[in-house]
């Protein structure tokens, strides 16, 4: 319990110290920059077997690896080829712009996700994309119907 609190304090401190600055892109720009764009809800947060840790690059913290994989039930796709289920690291932003906002990583969260494929083959989103709760997304009007995933 104490270790969890200390980790939370460290994450908040790092986020404040190296806060990400970005301007939210338009729907068109966000879609163009992403490799995949989909709507789905988190049906599981599966452990990876790795310990949670801060991940950095170039001397800066970029995200918090929660040690979990977000398993999505994909309902609509606007870009990319996705099956009914899609998995990606449940990375949380830690001040470096990469990762989900922590509030998004909850079972049942219905999200619009804009993600890019990284050299390691994994897909990541970031707080500077338009990833958000579907209920808060004004993107649907600009994205259009999308491809329903009923496979």
N, C-alpha and C. Protein backbone atom coordinates (compact mmCIF):
# COMPACT_ATOMS: atom_id res chain seq x y z
N UNK A 1 0.82 -1.19 0.00
CA UNK A 1 0.00 0.00 0.00
C UNK A 1 0.87 1.26 0.00
N UNK A 2 1.90 1.24 0.84
CA UNK A 2 2.79 2.40 0.90
C UNK A 2 3.56 2.53 -0.41
N UNK A 3 3.99 1.40 -0.96
CA UNK A 3 4.72 1.43 -2.24
C UNK A 3 3.85 2.01 -3.35
N UNK A 4 2.58 1.64 -3.36
CA UNK A 4 1.65 2.17 -4.37
C UNK A 4 1.50 3.68 -4.23
N UNK A 5 1.38 4.14 -3.01
CA UNK A 5 1.25 5.59 -2.77
C UNK A 5 2.52 6.33 -3.21
N UNK A 6 3.67 5.76 -2.89
CA UNK A 6 4.93 6.39 -3.29
C UNK A 6 5.06 6.44 -4.80
N UNK A 7 4.66 5.37 -5.47
CA UNK A 7 4.70 5.34 -6.93
C UNK A 7 3.77 6.39 -7.52
N UNK A 8 2.58 6.52 -6.95
CA UNK A 8 1.63 7.53 -7.41
C UNK A 8 2.20 8.93 -7.23
N UNK A 9 2.79 9.21 -6.09
CA UNK A 9 3.40 10.52 -5.83
C UNK A 9 4.53 10.77 -6.83
N UNK A 10 5.34 9.74 -7.08
CA UNK A 10 6.44 9.90 -8.04
C UNK A 10 5.91 10.19 -9.43
N UNK A 11 4.86 9.50 -9.84
CA UNK A 11 4.28 9.74 -11.17
C UNK A 11 3.73 11.14 -11.30
N UNK A 12 3.03 11.61 -10.28
CA UNK A 12 2.49 12.97 -10.32
C UNK A 12 3.61 13.98 -10.37
N UNK A 13 4.66 13.76 -9.59
CA UNK A 13 5.79 14.67 -9.59
C UNK A 13 6.47 14.71 -10.95
N UNK A 14 6.66 13.55 -11.55
CA UNK A 14 7.30 13.49 -12.86
C UNK A 14 6.42 14.15 -13.90
N UNK A 15 5.10 13.90 -13.84
CA UNK A 15 4.18 14.50 -14.80
C UNK A 15 4.22 16.01 -14.74
N UNK A 16 4.26 16.54 -13.53
CA UNK A 16 4.32 17.99 -13.38
C UNK A 16 5.66 18.53 -13.86
N UNK A 17 6.74 17.81 -13.53
CA UNK A 17 8.07 18.29 -13.89
C UNK A 17 8.33 18.23 -15.40
N UNK A 18 7.79 17.24 -16.08
CA UNK A 18 8.05 17.11 -17.50
C UNK A 18 6.75 17.12 -18.30
N UNK A 19 5.83 17.98 -17.90
CA UNK A 19 4.50 18.00 -18.50
C UNK A 19 4.58 18.14 -20.01
N UNK A 20 3.75 17.36 -20.64
CA UNK A 20 3.65 17.36 -22.09
C UNK A 20 2.87 18.59 -22.54
N UNK A 21 3.37 19.22 -23.55
CA UNK A 21 2.65 20.36 -24.12
C UNK A 21 2.29 20.00 -25.56
N UNK A 22 1.01 20.12 -25.88
CA UNK A 22 0.58 19.83 -27.24
C UNK A 22 -0.72 20.56 -27.52
N UNK A 23 -1.01 20.66 -28.78
CA UNK A 23 -2.28 21.22 -29.23
C UNK A 23 -3.05 20.09 -29.87
N UNK A 24 -4.30 19.94 -29.48
CA UNK A 24 -5.11 18.86 -30.04
C UNK A 24 -5.29 19.05 -31.53
N UNK A 25 -4.99 18.02 -32.31
CA UNK A 25 -5.14 18.13 -33.76
C UNK A 25 -6.62 18.05 -34.18
N UNK A 26 -6.89 18.44 -35.40
CA UNK A 26 -8.24 18.28 -35.94
C UNK A 26 -8.48 16.78 -36.12
N UNK A 27 -9.73 16.40 -36.30
CA UNK A 27 -10.06 15.00 -36.52
C UNK A 27 -9.32 14.49 -37.75
N UNK A 28 -9.33 15.26 -38.82
CA UNK A 28 -8.66 14.86 -40.06
C UNK A 28 -7.17 14.65 -39.84
N UNK A 29 -6.51 15.59 -39.16
CA UNK A 29 -5.07 15.47 -38.90
C UNK A 29 -4.77 14.29 -37.98
N UNK A 30 -5.60 14.10 -36.96
CA UNK A 30 -5.39 12.99 -36.03
C UNK A 30 -5.54 11.66 -36.74
N UNK A 31 -6.54 11.55 -37.60
CA UNK A 31 -6.76 10.31 -38.35
C UNK A 31 -5.60 10.04 -39.30
N UNK A 32 -5.13 11.08 -39.95
CA UNK A 32 -4.02 10.93 -40.89
C UNK A 32 -2.74 10.49 -40.17
N UNK A 33 -2.50 11.04 -38.99
CA UNK A 33 -1.29 10.72 -38.23
C UNK A 33 -1.32 9.33 -37.61
N UNK A 34 -2.52 8.81 -37.35
CA UNK A 34 -2.66 7.51 -36.71
C UNK A 34 -2.56 6.37 -37.72
N UNK A 35 -2.14 5.22 -37.23
CA UNK A 35 -2.13 4.01 -38.06
C UNK A 35 -3.46 3.27 -37.94
N UNK A 36 -4.11 3.41 -36.77
CA UNK A 36 -5.42 2.82 -36.56
C UNK A 36 -6.31 3.81 -35.82
N UNK A 37 -7.60 3.78 -36.15
CA UNK A 37 -8.60 4.57 -35.44
C UNK A 37 -9.80 3.65 -35.26
N UNK A 38 -10.21 3.47 -34.01
CA UNK A 38 -11.33 2.57 -33.75
C UNK A 38 -12.12 3.01 -32.53
N UNK A 39 -13.32 2.45 -32.43
CA UNK A 39 -14.13 2.60 -31.23
C UNK A 39 -14.23 1.23 -30.60
N UNK A 40 -14.01 1.18 -29.32
CA UNK A 40 -14.12 -0.10 -28.63
C UNK A 40 -14.21 0.12 -27.13
N UNK A 41 -14.61 -0.94 -26.45
CA UNK A 41 -14.64 -0.84 -24.99
C UNK A 41 -13.65 -1.84 -24.41
N UNK A 42 -13.10 -1.46 -23.28
CA UNK A 42 -12.11 -2.32 -22.62
C UNK A 42 -12.84 -3.44 -21.91
N UNK A 43 -12.60 -4.65 -22.39
CA UNK A 43 -13.27 -5.80 -21.77
C UNK A 43 -12.36 -6.54 -20.81
N UNK A 44 -11.04 -6.24 -20.85
CA UNK A 44 -10.11 -6.85 -19.90
C UNK A 44 -8.84 -6.02 -19.83
N UNK A 45 -8.20 -6.07 -18.69
CA UNK A 45 -6.85 -5.52 -18.50
C UNK A 45 -6.01 -6.71 -18.05
N UNK A 46 -5.35 -7.31 -19.02
CA UNK A 46 -4.64 -8.57 -18.81
C UNK A 46 -3.20 -8.30 -18.37
N UNK A 47 -2.74 -8.98 -17.31
CA UNK A 47 -1.35 -8.81 -16.87
C UNK A 47 -0.37 -9.33 -17.93
N UNK A 48 0.75 -8.64 -18.06
CA UNK A 48 1.78 -9.07 -19.01
C UNK A 48 2.84 -9.93 -18.34
N UNK A 49 2.86 -9.92 -17.03
CA UNK A 49 3.92 -10.62 -16.30
C UNK A 49 5.09 -9.71 -15.98
N UNK A 50 5.08 -8.49 -16.55
CA UNK A 50 6.13 -7.51 -16.26
C UNK A 50 5.69 -6.66 -15.07
N UNK A 51 6.67 -6.18 -14.35
CA UNK A 51 6.38 -5.27 -13.23
C UNK A 51 6.08 -3.89 -13.78
N UNK A 52 5.14 -3.17 -13.17
CA UNK A 52 4.90 -1.78 -13.59
C UNK A 52 6.19 -0.98 -13.47
N UNK A 53 6.41 -0.08 -14.46
CA UNK A 53 7.66 0.70 -14.45
C UNK A 53 7.50 1.96 -15.30
N UNK A 54 8.33 2.93 -14.99
CA UNK A 54 8.40 4.13 -15.80
C UNK A 54 9.30 3.84 -17.00
N UNK A 55 8.90 4.31 -18.17
CA UNK A 55 9.67 4.08 -19.39
C UNK A 55 10.09 5.44 -19.92
N UNK A 56 11.33 5.53 -20.34
CA UNK A 56 11.83 6.80 -20.85
C UNK A 56 12.65 6.63 -22.10
N UNK A 57 12.90 7.75 -22.73
CA UNK A 57 13.73 7.77 -23.92
C UNK A 57 14.37 9.13 -24.04
N UNK A 58 15.62 9.18 -24.42
CA UNK A 58 16.30 10.46 -24.57
C UNK A 58 16.41 11.22 -23.26
N UNK A 59 16.48 10.48 -22.15
CA UNK A 59 16.64 11.13 -20.86
C UNK A 59 15.35 11.66 -20.26
N UNK A 60 14.20 11.39 -20.91
CA UNK A 60 12.91 11.86 -20.39
C UNK A 60 11.97 10.68 -20.16
N UNK A 61 11.14 10.81 -19.14
CA UNK A 61 10.11 9.81 -18.90
C UNK A 61 9.04 10.01 -19.97
N UNK A 62 8.64 8.92 -20.63
CA UNK A 62 7.63 9.05 -21.67
C UNK A 62 6.28 8.47 -21.27
N UNK A 63 6.29 7.34 -20.52
CA UNK A 63 5.02 6.79 -20.07
C UNK A 63 5.24 5.82 -18.92
N UNK A 64 4.14 5.42 -18.30
CA UNK A 64 4.15 4.45 -17.22
C UNK A 64 3.61 3.14 -17.78
N UNK A 65 4.46 2.11 -17.80
CA UNK A 65 4.04 0.78 -18.23
C UNK A 65 3.35 0.14 -17.04
N UNK A 66 2.04 -0.04 -17.15
CA UNK A 66 1.25 -0.58 -16.04
C UNK A 66 1.46 -2.08 -15.84
N UNK A 67 2.15 -2.72 -16.79
CA UNK A 67 2.32 -4.17 -16.72
C UNK A 67 1.06 -4.89 -17.16
N UNK A 68 0.21 -4.19 -17.92
CA UNK A 68 -1.05 -4.78 -18.38
C UNK A 68 -1.26 -4.50 -19.87
N UNK A 69 -2.10 -5.30 -20.46
CA UNK A 69 -2.53 -5.13 -21.84
C UNK A 69 -4.02 -4.79 -21.80
N UNK A 70 -4.41 -3.74 -22.53
CA UNK A 70 -5.83 -3.40 -22.66
C UNK A 70 -6.40 -4.25 -23.78
N UNK A 71 -7.42 -5.03 -23.46
CA UNK A 71 -8.09 -5.88 -24.44
C UNK A 71 -9.40 -5.19 -24.81
N UNK A 72 -9.50 -4.78 -26.06
CA UNK A 72 -10.67 -4.05 -26.54
C UNK A 72 -11.62 -4.97 -27.31
N UNK A 73 -12.89 -4.75 -27.16
CA UNK A 73 -13.91 -5.29 -28.05
C UNK A 73 -14.17 -4.17 -29.04
N UNK A 74 -13.73 -4.33 -30.28
CA UNK A 74 -13.82 -3.29 -31.30
C UNK A 74 -15.23 -3.29 -31.89
N UNK A 75 -15.86 -2.10 -31.88
CA UNK A 75 -17.22 -2.00 -32.43
C UNK A 75 -17.24 -1.30 -33.78
N UNK A 76 -16.33 -0.37 -34.02
CA UNK A 76 -16.24 0.35 -35.30
C UNK A 76 -14.78 0.65 -35.61
N UNK A 77 -14.45 0.66 -36.89
CA UNK A 77 -13.09 0.99 -37.33
C UNK A 77 -13.16 2.05 -38.41
N UNK A 78 -12.30 3.05 -38.29
CA UNK A 78 -12.20 4.10 -39.30
C UNK A 78 -10.88 4.04 -40.06
N UNK A 79 -9.90 3.39 -39.47
CA UNK A 79 -8.61 3.26 -40.15
C UNK A 79 -7.91 2.01 -39.63
N UNK A 80 -7.35 1.24 -40.55
CA UNK A 80 -6.65 0.02 -40.18
C UNK A 80 -7.55 -1.19 -40.27
N UNK A 81 -6.94 -2.34 -40.20
CA UNK A 81 -7.65 -3.62 -40.24
C UNK A 81 -7.60 -4.23 -38.85
N UNK A 82 -8.74 -4.28 -38.19
CA UNK A 82 -8.80 -4.82 -36.84
C UNK A 82 -9.86 -5.90 -36.76
N UNK A 83 -9.61 -6.89 -35.96
CA UNK A 83 -10.61 -7.91 -35.70
C UNK A 83 -11.57 -7.44 -34.63
N UNK A 84 -12.38 -8.35 -34.18
CA UNK A 84 -13.37 -8.05 -33.15
C UNK A 84 -12.69 -7.72 -31.82
N UNK A 85 -11.51 -8.30 -31.61
CA UNK A 85 -10.73 -8.05 -30.40
C UNK A 85 -9.40 -7.43 -30.81
N UNK A 86 -8.97 -6.43 -30.06
CA UNK A 86 -7.68 -5.80 -30.32
C UNK A 86 -7.00 -5.54 -28.99
N UNK A 87 -5.70 -5.81 -28.94
CA UNK A 87 -4.93 -5.62 -27.72
C UNK A 87 -3.80 -4.63 -27.94
N UNK A 88 -3.59 -3.80 -26.93
CA UNK A 88 -2.46 -2.87 -26.96
C UNK A 88 -2.01 -2.61 -25.53
N UNK A 89 -0.75 -2.19 -25.36
CA UNK A 89 -0.27 -1.93 -24.00
C UNK A 89 -1.14 -0.89 -23.29
N UNK A 90 -1.42 -1.17 -22.02
CA UNK A 90 -2.18 -0.25 -21.19
C UNK A 90 -1.21 0.75 -20.56
N UNK A 91 -0.55 1.51 -21.42
CA UNK A 91 0.43 2.51 -20.98
C UNK A 91 -0.30 3.77 -20.53
N UNK A 92 0.15 4.35 -19.44
CA UNK A 92 -0.43 5.60 -18.93
C UNK A 92 0.55 6.74 -19.16
N UNK A 93 0.01 7.89 -19.51
CA UNK A 93 0.84 9.08 -19.67
C UNK A 93 1.55 9.38 -18.35
N UNK A 94 2.81 9.73 -18.46
CA UNK A 94 3.60 10.12 -17.28
C UNK A 94 4.33 11.43 -17.57
N UNK A 95 3.72 12.27 -18.40
CA UNK A 95 4.31 13.56 -18.68
C UNK A 95 5.03 13.66 -20.01
N UNK A 96 5.14 12.55 -20.72
CA UNK A 96 5.86 12.55 -22.00
C UNK A 96 4.95 12.46 -23.21
N UNK A 97 3.67 12.66 -23.04
CA UNK A 97 2.66 12.66 -24.10
C UNK A 97 2.20 11.27 -24.53
N UNK A 98 2.94 10.20 -24.22
CA UNK A 98 2.56 8.86 -24.63
C UNK A 98 1.70 8.19 -23.59
N UNK A 99 0.76 7.41 -24.04
CA UNK A 99 -0.07 6.62 -23.14
C UNK A 99 -1.47 7.20 -22.99
N UNK A 100 -2.33 6.38 -22.43
CA UNK A 100 -3.71 6.78 -22.15
C UNK A 100 -3.75 7.70 -20.94
N UNK A 101 -4.75 8.54 -20.87
CA UNK A 101 -5.03 9.23 -19.62
C UNK A 101 -5.45 8.14 -18.65
N UNK A 102 -4.95 8.15 -17.41
CA UNK A 102 -5.25 7.06 -16.47
C UNK A 102 -6.74 6.76 -16.31
N UNK A 103 -7.61 7.76 -16.37
CA UNK A 103 -9.05 7.54 -16.20
C UNK A 103 -9.63 6.66 -17.30
N UNK A 104 -8.98 6.58 -18.44
CA UNK A 104 -9.48 5.78 -19.56
C UNK A 104 -9.30 4.28 -19.34
N UNK A 105 -8.30 3.91 -18.56
CA UNK A 105 -7.94 2.50 -18.42
C UNK A 105 -8.74 1.82 -17.33
N UNK A 106 -10.03 1.68 -17.59
CA UNK A 106 -10.96 1.03 -16.67
C UNK A 106 -11.79 0.03 -17.46
N UNK A 107 -12.13 -1.08 -16.82
CA UNK A 107 -13.00 -2.05 -17.49
C UNK A 107 -14.30 -1.38 -17.91
N UNK A 108 -14.72 -1.64 -19.13
CA UNK A 108 -15.96 -1.08 -19.66
C UNK A 108 -15.82 0.27 -20.31
N UNK A 109 -14.66 0.91 -20.22
CA UNK A 109 -14.48 2.22 -20.86
C UNK A 109 -14.72 2.09 -22.35
N UNK A 110 -15.62 2.93 -22.86
CA UNK A 110 -15.96 2.96 -24.29
C UNK A 110 -15.19 4.13 -24.89
N UNK A 111 -14.19 3.82 -25.72
CA UNK A 111 -13.26 4.84 -26.20
C UNK A 111 -13.21 4.92 -27.72
N UNK A 112 -12.88 6.12 -28.21
CA UNK A 112 -12.42 6.31 -29.57
C UNK A 112 -10.90 6.37 -29.43
N UNK A 113 -10.18 5.50 -30.13
CA UNK A 113 -8.73 5.40 -29.97
C UNK A 113 -8.04 5.71 -31.29
N UNK A 114 -7.09 6.64 -31.23
CA UNK A 114 -6.18 6.95 -32.33
C UNK A 114 -4.81 6.45 -31.87
N UNK A 115 -4.23 5.50 -32.60
CA UNK A 115 -2.96 4.93 -32.15
C UNK A 115 -2.00 4.76 -33.33
N UNK A 116 -0.71 4.77 -33.00
CA UNK A 116 0.32 4.57 -34.01
C UNK A 116 1.15 3.33 -33.65
N UNK A 117 1.60 2.67 -34.70
CA UNK A 117 2.43 1.49 -34.50
C UNK A 117 3.88 1.93 -34.33
N UNK A 118 4.50 1.41 -33.30
CA UNK A 118 5.88 1.75 -32.98
C UNK A 118 6.82 0.70 -33.56
N UNK A 119 8.12 0.99 -33.60
CA UNK A 119 9.08 0.04 -34.17
C UNK A 119 9.03 -1.36 -33.51
N UNK A 120 8.62 -1.42 -32.24
CA UNK A 120 8.54 -2.73 -31.58
C UNK A 120 7.30 -3.52 -31.99
N UNK A 121 6.46 -2.92 -32.87
CA UNK A 121 5.26 -3.59 -33.35
C UNK A 121 4.02 -3.31 -32.52
N UNK A 122 4.20 -2.70 -31.37
CA UNK A 122 3.06 -2.38 -30.50
C UNK A 122 2.41 -1.07 -30.93
N UNK A 123 1.12 -0.94 -30.63
CA UNK A 123 0.39 0.30 -30.90
C UNK A 123 0.25 1.08 -29.61
N UNK A 124 0.50 2.39 -29.72
CA UNK A 124 0.37 3.27 -28.57
C UNK A 124 -0.46 4.48 -28.96
N UNK A 125 -1.17 4.99 -27.98
CA UNK A 125 -1.87 6.25 -28.16
C UNK A 125 -1.16 7.28 -27.29
N UNK A 126 -1.62 8.48 -27.33
CA UNK A 126 -1.02 9.53 -26.51
C UNK A 126 -2.05 10.57 -26.15
N UNK A 127 -1.71 11.39 -25.19
CA UNK A 127 -2.66 12.40 -24.75
C UNK A 127 -2.78 13.54 -25.74
N UNK A 128 -1.91 13.58 -26.75
CA UNK A 128 -2.00 14.62 -27.77
C UNK A 128 -2.77 14.15 -29.00
N UNK A 129 -3.30 12.94 -28.94
CA UNK A 129 -4.19 12.47 -30.00
C UNK A 129 -5.60 12.82 -29.58
N UNK A 130 -6.56 12.39 -30.32
CA UNK A 130 -7.95 12.66 -29.97
C UNK A 130 -8.58 11.48 -29.23
N UNK A 131 -7.77 10.57 -28.69
CA UNK A 131 -8.31 9.45 -27.92
C UNK A 131 -9.09 9.98 -26.74
N UNK A 132 -10.31 9.46 -26.58
CA UNK A 132 -11.18 9.94 -25.50
C UNK A 132 -12.36 9.00 -25.32
N UNK A 133 -13.14 9.25 -24.26
CA UNK A 133 -14.37 8.50 -24.07
C UNK A 133 -15.30 8.78 -25.24
N UNK A 134 -15.96 7.74 -25.74
CA UNK A 134 -16.87 7.90 -26.88
C UNK A 134 -17.97 8.90 -26.58
N UNK A 135 -18.47 8.90 -25.36
CA UNK A 135 -19.56 9.82 -25.01
C UNK A 135 -19.13 11.28 -25.09
N UNK A 136 -17.83 11.54 -24.98
CA UNK A 136 -17.31 12.91 -25.05
C UNK A 136 -16.78 13.27 -26.43
N UNK A 137 -16.80 12.31 -27.35
CA UNK A 137 -16.18 12.52 -28.66
C UNK A 137 -17.13 13.25 -29.62
N UNK A 138 -16.69 14.41 -30.06
CA UNK A 138 -17.42 15.10 -31.12
C UNK A 138 -16.89 14.63 -32.47
N UNK A 139 -15.92 13.73 -32.44
CA UNK A 139 -15.25 13.21 -33.62
C UNK A 139 -16.19 12.42 -34.52
N UNK A 140 -17.19 11.79 -33.94
CA UNK A 140 -18.04 10.87 -34.71
C UNK A 140 -18.68 11.55 -35.90
N UNK A 141 -19.04 12.79 -35.75
CA UNK A 141 -19.64 13.53 -36.87
C UNK A 141 -18.65 13.66 -38.02
N UNK A 142 -17.39 13.97 -37.70
CA UNK A 142 -16.36 14.12 -38.74
C UNK A 142 -15.85 12.78 -39.26
N UNK A 143 -15.80 11.78 -38.39
CA UNK A 143 -15.30 10.47 -38.81
C UNK A 143 -16.31 9.74 -39.71
N UNK A 144 -17.57 10.00 -39.47
CA UNK A 144 -18.60 9.30 -40.24
C UNK A 144 -18.95 7.97 -39.61
N UNK A 145 -19.66 7.15 -40.36
CA UNK A 145 -20.18 5.88 -39.87
C UNK A 145 -19.08 4.90 -39.46
N UNK A 146 -18.02 4.83 -40.23
CA UNK A 146 -17.00 3.83 -39.96
C UNK A 146 -17.48 2.45 -40.37
N UNK A 147 -16.61 1.48 -40.22
CA UNK A 147 -16.96 0.09 -40.54
C UNK A 147 -17.39 -0.62 -39.25
N UNK A 148 -18.68 -0.98 -39.16
CA UNK A 148 -19.11 -1.72 -37.97
C UNK A 148 -18.40 -3.06 -37.91
N UNK A 149 -18.01 -3.47 -36.74
CA UNK A 149 -17.31 -4.73 -36.57
C UNK A 149 -18.26 -5.74 -35.95
N UNK A 150 -18.87 -6.53 -36.77
CA UNK A 150 -19.82 -7.52 -36.27
C UNK A 150 -19.33 -8.94 -36.54
N UNK A 151 -18.04 -9.08 -36.77
CA UNK A 151 -17.45 -10.41 -37.06
C UNK A 151 -17.56 -11.31 -35.87
